[in-house]
Amino acid sequence: MYRIDTPKTEEQLNAYFQFRWEMLRKPWNHPQGSEKDEYEQVSEHRMVVDGRGDIVAVGRVHMNMSEEAQIRHVAVSPEQQGKGLGKLIFSALEEVARQQGAKRLVTNSRRISVEFFTACGFEIEKEAPTEMGKLKRSQMIKKLSDVNQVMLHPKWCQELQNTWHETIPISEQMGIQLHQYSGKTFETRASLNKNINLHGTMFAGSIFSLATLTGWGMIFLKLKEKGLSGEIVLGDGDIHYHKPITMQPRALCNIETLDGKFELLERNKKTAIKLQVDILDGENPVAEFRGVFWVLPEKSEKTDS
């Protein structure tokens, strides 16, 4: 399992900058120290670490002015690319920028990174100064709004949110909101105040509902991506609780946990999709949900000839 961390100790910062140099400067034969600049002290730094605590992705954001934040130094280990970690680190940086009042994001992207930032909602505005005097870059801008907080397929994500609130009204009463979707990872959040029990923690039933809707939503979005449709129903769900939730309820579903044959729907057959949803309290894992969802092909209406 991957998690977002903020490097704070001297050891963590040294490892963070070492990784940044190895990914972004060493390949161009630039010396150690070239990975840093004058904005380090006023920046927010984030890194993704794996289950062993090894750094696999990094990124930085700082405010240029009261409403503009700049994202720089996003890098993912070559061995870990293709798993959505770049979008995961970007999501964390965008959230920091929003919390600090940014209305737009800017980045100066190398040619090889333009596709990544475009998928994150950026548009090219103009050419930027070359990096290290050699590498051509494009200045890209993303205007921030409530909708584009979801990086990938915002229209589908809005449709999913509306579907929840219209067909499952209790989801709105519980404050369950789609937080981000990268194509690889789907995250939802809920309001603790709307689901709190007499012990000051989240109801177990509310946690189960959050996990179920997250799994349901991941399948909904995957069906959209594959150009398929069907009725999604929960067949079986099992959840293991380890700790109570006392701060920020979060639910994460990663594509690696999905197991099923979507192509059966193309032959008008139902299919079972197994998946896992991890429940967190802020950054702390507190529960795991494993579910089996059935996707039933939509019934075709017969017409008289």
Protein backbone atom coordinates (compact mmCIF):
# COMPACT_ATOMS: atom_id res chain seq x y z
CA MET A 1 0.00 0.00 0.00
CA TYR A 2 1.21 3.49 -0.83
CA ARG A 3 0.76 6.55 1.35
CA ILE A 4 1.43 10.28 1.14
CA ASP A 5 3.99 11.64 3.62
CA THR A 6 5.42 15.07 4.41
CA PRO A 7 9.21 14.96 4.91
CA LYS A 8 9.91 16.66 8.25
CA THR A 9 12.96 15.17 9.94
CA GLU A 10 16.48 15.78 8.67
CA GLU A 11 16.71 12.13 7.63
CA GLN A 12 13.42 12.31 5.68
CA LEU A 13 14.41 15.56 3.95
CA ASN A 14 17.80 14.16 2.98
CA ALA A 15 16.14 11.10 1.46
CA TYR A 16 13.56 13.29 -0.29
CA PHE A 17 16.19 15.55 -1.91
CA GLN A 18 18.39 12.57 -2.78
CA PHE A 19 15.47 10.97 -4.64
CA ARG A 20 14.71 14.27 -6.40
CA TRP A 21 18.32 14.61 -7.55
CA GLU A 22 18.48 11.00 -8.77
CA MET A 23 15.25 11.35 -10.77
CA LEU A 24 15.53 14.90 -12.14
CA ARG A 25 19.15 16.01 -12.13
CA LYS A 26 21.51 13.03 -12.19
CA PRO A 27 20.31 11.84 -15.66
CA TRP A 28 21.48 15.22 -17.03
CA ASN A 29 24.84 15.03 -15.23
CA HIS A 30 24.04 17.89 -12.88
CA PRO A 31 25.77 17.82 -9.46
CA GLN A 32 24.07 17.18 -6.15
CA GLY A 33 22.70 20.43 -4.81
CA SER A 34 21.31 21.43 -8.20
CA GLU A 35 17.98 19.83 -7.22
CA LYS A 36 17.39 22.65 -4.70
CA ASP A 37 16.54 26.31 -5.21
CA GLU A 38 15.68 29.44 -3.22
CA TYR A 39 12.02 28.41 -2.75
CA GLU A 40 12.60 25.30 -0.65
CA GLN A 41 11.97 27.02 2.69
CA VAL A 42 8.62 28.49 1.58
CA SER A 43 7.40 25.36 -0.20
CA GLU A 44 5.26 22.41 0.83
CA HIS A 45 6.92 19.09 0.07
CA ARG A 46 5.16 15.74 -0.35
CA MET A 47 6.37 12.23 -1.10
CA VAL A 48 4.76 8.84 -1.75
CA VAL A 49 6.25 5.91 0.14
CA ASP A 50 5.58 2.21 -0.33
CA GLY A 51 4.87 -0.44 2.28
CA ARG A 52 8.57 -0.66 3.17
CA GLY A 53 8.85 3.08 3.68
CA ASP A 54 10.86 3.64 0.48
CA ILE A 55 10.24 6.85 -1.47
CA VAL A 56 8.66 6.17 -4.88
CA ALA A 57 7.40 9.66 -5.88
CA VAL A 58 7.93 13.29 -4.86
CA GLY A 59 6.64 16.77 -5.62
CA ARG A 60 6.63 20.36 -4.39
CA VAL A 61 4.26 23.34 -4.39
CA HIS A 62 4.73 26.98 -3.37
CA MET A 63 2.66 30.14 -3.65
CA ASN A 64 3.82 32.66 -6.27
CA MET A 65 1.19 35.17 -5.15
CA SER A 66 -2.01 35.15 -3.12
CA GLU A 67 -4.07 33.23 -5.72
CA GLU A 68 -1.39 31.40 -7.72
CA ALA A 69 0.54 28.27 -6.75
CA GLN A 70 3.38 26.68 -8.68
CA ILE A 71 3.99 22.93 -8.81
CA ARG A 72 7.52 21.71 -9.47
CA HIS A 73 9.80 18.70 -9.20
CA VAL A 74 7.17 15.98 -9.66
CA ALA A 75 9.00 12.69 -10.15
CA VAL A 76 8.13 8.99 -9.96
CA SER A 77 10.57 6.09 -9.72
CA PRO A 78 10.87 4.35 -13.14
CA GLU A 79 10.08 0.99 -11.53
CA GLN A 80 6.80 2.38 -10.14
CA GLN A 81 5.51 4.26 -13.18
CA GLY A 82 2.13 3.36 -14.63
CA LYS A 83 0.51 2.88 -11.21
CA GLY A 84 -1.05 6.33 -10.85
CA LEU A 85 1.53 7.56 -8.34
CA GLY A 86 2.24 10.72 -10.32
CA LYS A 87 -1.42 11.71 -10.12
CA LEU A 88 -1.47 10.69 -6.45
CA ILE A 89 1.37 13.09 -5.58
CA PHE A 90 -0.17 15.78 -7.78
CA SER A 91 -3.50 15.39 -5.97
CA ALA A 92 -1.78 15.97 -2.63
CA LEU A 93 -0.03 19.10 -3.94
CA GLU A 94 -3.22 20.47 -5.47
CA GLU A 95 -5.04 20.00 -2.18
CA VAL A 96 -2.33 21.99 -0.37
CA ALA A 97 -2.65 24.78 -2.93
CA ARG A 98 -6.42 24.90 -2.50
CA GLN A 99 -6.07 25.05 1.28
CA GLN A 100 -3.75 28.03 0.89
CA GLY A 101 -6.30 29.87 -1.24
CA ALA A 102 -4.92 29.28 -4.74
CA LYS A 103 -7.31 29.89 -7.62
CA ARG A 104 -4.94 28.61 -10.29
CA LEU A 105 -1.94 26.34 -10.61
CA VAL A 106 1.05 26.88 -12.88
CA THR A 107 3.87 24.57 -13.86
CA ASN A 108 6.72 24.70 -16.35
CA SER A 109 6.61 21.33 -18.04
CA ARG A 110 9.23 19.55 -20.09
CA ARG A 111 8.01 18.10 -23.36
CA ILE A 112 7.84 14.57 -21.95
CA SER A 113 5.60 15.76 -19.08
CA VAL A 114 3.04 17.74 -21.10
CA GLU A 115 0.75 14.72 -21.55
CA PHE A 116 0.78 14.03 -17.80
CA PHE A 117 -0.12 17.60 -16.84
CA THR A 118 -2.75 17.78 -19.57
CA ALA A 119 -4.41 14.69 -18.04
CA CYS A 120 -4.35 16.54 -14.71
CA GLY A 121 -6.34 19.43 -16.18
CA PHE A 122 -3.59 21.83 -17.32
CA GLU A 123 -3.47 23.72 -20.60
CA ILE A 124 -0.41 25.13 -22.35
CA GLU A 125 -0.33 28.92 -22.19
CA LYS A 126 3.11 29.81 -23.57
CA GLU A 127 6.72 28.76 -23.80
CA ALA A 128 8.67 28.97 -20.54
CA PRO A 129 12.37 29.71 -19.97
CA THR A 130 14.62 26.73 -20.61
CA GLU A 131 15.57 24.63 -17.60
CA MET A 132 19.24 24.50 -16.64
CA GLY A 133 19.90 26.41 -19.87
CA LYS A 134 19.12 23.37 -22.04
CA LEU A 135 15.70 21.78 -21.63
CA LYS A 136 12.74 23.38 -23.39
CA ARG A 137 9.63 23.84 -21.28
CA SER A 138 6.02 24.96 -21.68
CA GLN A 139 4.18 27.06 -19.13
CA MET A 140 0.91 25.30 -18.29
CA ILE A 141 -2.01 26.60 -16.23
CA LYS A 142 -4.93 24.97 -14.45
CA LYS A 143 -7.78 27.09 -13.11
CA LEU A 144 -9.12 25.62 -9.89
CA SER A 145 -12.80 24.98 -9.28
CA ASP A 146 -14.84 22.53 -7.23
CA VAL A 147 -15.42 20.32 -10.27
CA ASN A 148 -11.87 20.04 -11.57
CA GLN A 149 -10.61 18.98 -8.16
CA VAL A 150 -11.36 15.58 -9.67
CA MET A 151 -8.45 15.20 -12.07
CA LEU A 152 -9.79 12.64 -14.54
CA HIS A 153 -13.20 12.56 -16.26
CA PRO A 154 -14.84 15.34 -14.19
CA LYS A 155 -18.18 15.01 -16.03
CA TRP A 156 -18.45 11.31 -15.18
CA CYS A 157 -17.44 12.02 -11.60
CA GLN A 158 -20.13 14.70 -11.31
CA GLU A 159 -22.64 12.24 -12.79
CA LEU A 160 -21.62 9.69 -10.15
CA GLN A 161 -21.99 12.22 -7.33
CA ASN A 162 -25.44 13.21 -8.62
CA THR A 163 -26.46 9.55 -8.94
CA TRP A 164 -25.56 8.92 -5.30
CA HIS A 165 -27.50 11.92 -4.02
CA GLU A 166 -30.54 11.29 -6.23
CA THR A 167 -30.88 7.52 -5.79
CA ILE A 168 -29.31 7.09 -2.33
CA PRO A 169 -30.37 10.24 -0.42
CA ILE A 170 -28.67 9.06 2.78
CA SER A 171 -25.30 9.48 1.04
CA GLU A 172 -25.87 13.24 0.96
CA GLN A 173 -27.05 13.27 4.57
CA MET A 174 -23.83 11.45 5.55
CA GLY A 175 -21.76 14.05 3.71
CA ILE A 176 -20.19 11.46 1.39
CA GLN A 177 -18.32 13.23 -1.39
CA LEU A 178 -16.17 12.07 -4.28
CA HIS A 179 -12.75 13.54 -3.54
CA GLN A 180 -10.47 12.50 -6.42
CA TYR A 181 -10.14 10.04 -9.27
CA SER A 182 -6.87 9.43 -11.10
CA GLY A 183 -7.91 6.47 -13.25
CA LYS A 184 -5.91 4.25 -10.93
CA THR A 185 -7.15 5.42 -7.52
CA PHE A 186 -10.63 6.48 -6.43
CA GLU A 187 -11.06 8.36 -3.15
CA THR A 188 -14.17 9.42 -1.28
CA ARG A 189 -14.58 11.29 2.00
CA ALA A 190 -17.35 11.70 4.52
CA SER A 191 -18.28 14.18 7.23
CA LEU A 192 -17.38 12.94 10.70
CA ASN A 193 -19.84 15.36 12.32
CA LYS A 194 -22.74 13.83 10.38
CA ASN A 195 -21.77 10.27 11.36
CA ILE A 196 -20.54 10.63 14.92
CA ASN A 197 -21.66 8.38 17.78
CA LEU A 198 -21.79 9.03 21.52
CA HIS A 199 -18.12 8.04 21.82
CA GLY A 200 -17.05 10.79 19.45
CA THR A 201 -16.13 8.33 16.68
CA MET A 202 -17.71 7.36 13.37
CA PHE A 203 -20.54 4.83 13.37
CA ALA A 204 -19.40 1.41 12.14
CA GLY A 205 -22.42 1.30 9.84
CA SER A 206 -21.43 4.62 8.30
CA ILE A 207 -17.93 3.30 7.63
CA PHE A 208 -19.41 0.25 5.91
CA SER A 209 -21.65 2.49 3.78
CA LEU A 210 -18.70 4.70 2.82
CA ALA A 211 -16.68 1.63 1.77
CA THR A 212 -19.58 0.14 -0.20
CA LEU A 213 -20.26 3.35 -2.12
CA THR A 214 -16.56 3.74 -2.89
CA GLY A 215 -16.37 0.26 -4.41
CA TRP A 216 -19.62 0.87 -6.28
CA GLY A 217 -18.28 4.18 -7.59
CA MET A 218 -15.00 2.69 -8.80
CA ILE A 219 -16.91 0.14 -10.88
CA PHE A 220 -19.24 2.87 -12.20
CA LEU A 221 -16.26 4.88 -13.48
CA LYS A 222 -14.53 1.84 -14.96
CA LEU A 223 -17.69 0.95 -16.87
CA LYS A 224 -17.74 4.49 -18.28
CA GLU A 225 -14.12 4.20 -19.39
CA LYS A 226 -14.81 0.89 -21.13
CA GLY A 227 -17.95 2.18 -22.85
CA LEU A 228 -20.12 -0.33 -20.98
CA SER A 229 -23.23 -0.02 -18.86
CA GLY A 230 -25.05 -2.17 -16.36
CA GLU A 231 -26.76 -2.28 -13.00
CA ILE A 232 -24.26 -2.52 -10.12
CA VAL A 233 -25.37 -4.36 -7.00
CA LEU A 234 -23.49 -5.50 -3.91
CA GLY A 235 -23.34 -9.28 -3.68
CA ASP A 236 -21.21 -9.70 -0.58
CA GLY A 237 -19.22 -7.40 1.68
CA ASP A 238 -16.83 -8.04 4.55
CA ILE A 239 -15.10 -5.37 6.62
CA HIS A 240 -12.44 -5.61 9.32
CA TYR A 241 -12.15 -2.71 11.77
CA HIS A 242 -8.83 -2.02 13.53
CA LYS A 243 -9.18 1.49 14.95
CA PRO A 244 -11.96 4.06 15.38
CA ILE A 245 -12.25 7.12 13.14
CA THR A 246 -11.94 10.36 15.11
CA MET A 247 -10.79 12.93 12.50
CA GLN A 248 -11.19 12.63 8.70
CA PRO A 249 -13.01 9.61 7.20
CA ARG A 250 -11.43 8.60 3.88
CA ALA A 251 -11.94 5.60 1.59
CA LEU A 252 -9.50 4.54 -1.15
CA CYS A 253 -9.95 1.95 -3.88
CA ASN A 254 -6.98 1.12 -6.13
CA ILE A 255 -7.42 -0.45 -9.54
CA GLU A 256 -4.91 -3.18 -8.65
CA THR A 257 -7.51 -4.70 -6.30
CA LEU A 258 -10.19 -5.12 -9.01
CA ASP A 259 -10.70 -8.68 -10.18
CA GLY A 260 -13.38 -9.51 -12.74
CA LYS A 261 -14.26 -9.83 -16.43
CA PHE A 262 -15.99 -6.68 -17.67
CA GLU A 263 -16.05 -8.10 -21.20
CA LEU A 264 -18.86 -10.51 -20.20
CA LEU A 265 -21.22 -7.51 -20.34
CA GLU A 266 -20.48 -7.18 -24.05
CA ARG A 267 -22.06 -10.64 -24.45
CA ASN A 268 -25.05 -9.56 -22.38
CA LYS A 269 -23.92 -11.66 -19.40
CA LYS A 270 -23.64 -10.62 -15.78
CA THR A 271 -20.20 -10.43 -14.21
CA ALA A 272 -18.81 -10.45 -10.68
CA ILE A 273 -16.20 -7.85 -9.71
CA LYS A 274 -14.15 -8.33 -6.55
CA LEU A 275 -12.31 -5.38 -5.01
CA GLN A 276 -10.83 -3.94 -1.83
CA VAL A 277 -11.44 -0.55 -0.22
CA ASP A 278 -9.04 0.81 2.38
CA ILE A 279 -10.51 3.04 5.08
CA LEU A 280 -8.32 5.71 6.63
CA ASP A 281 -8.63 8.30 9.37
CA GLY A 282 -6.61 11.10 7.83
CA GLU A 283 -3.39 9.29 6.88
CA ASN A 284 -3.89 6.35 9.29
CA PRO A 285 -5.32 3.02 8.01
CA VAL A 286 -8.21 1.88 10.22
CA ALA A 287 -10.19 -0.74 8.28
CA GLU A 288 -10.32 -2.88 5.12
CA PHE A 289 -13.42 -3.74 3.13
CA ARG A 290 -13.55 -6.59 0.63
CA GLY A 291 -16.59 -6.82 -1.55
CA VAL A 292 -18.10 -8.71 -4.45
CA PHE A 293 -20.27 -6.61 -6.75
CA TRP A 294 -22.41 -7.97 -9.55
CA VAL A 295 -22.86 -5.97 -12.73
CA LEU A 296 -26.05 -6.95 -14.51
CA PRO A 297 -26.47 -6.17 -18.23
CA GLU A 298 -29.14 -3.63 -18.96
CA LYS A 299 -32.33 -5.16 -20.27
CA SER A 300 -33.02 -4.27 -23.89
CA GLU A 301 -36.51 -3.13 -24.70
CA LYS A 302 -38.25 -5.20 -27.36
CA THR A 303 -40.35 -3.40 -29.95
CA ASP A 304 -43.08 -4.81 -32.17
CA SER A 305 -42.08 -5.12 -35.82
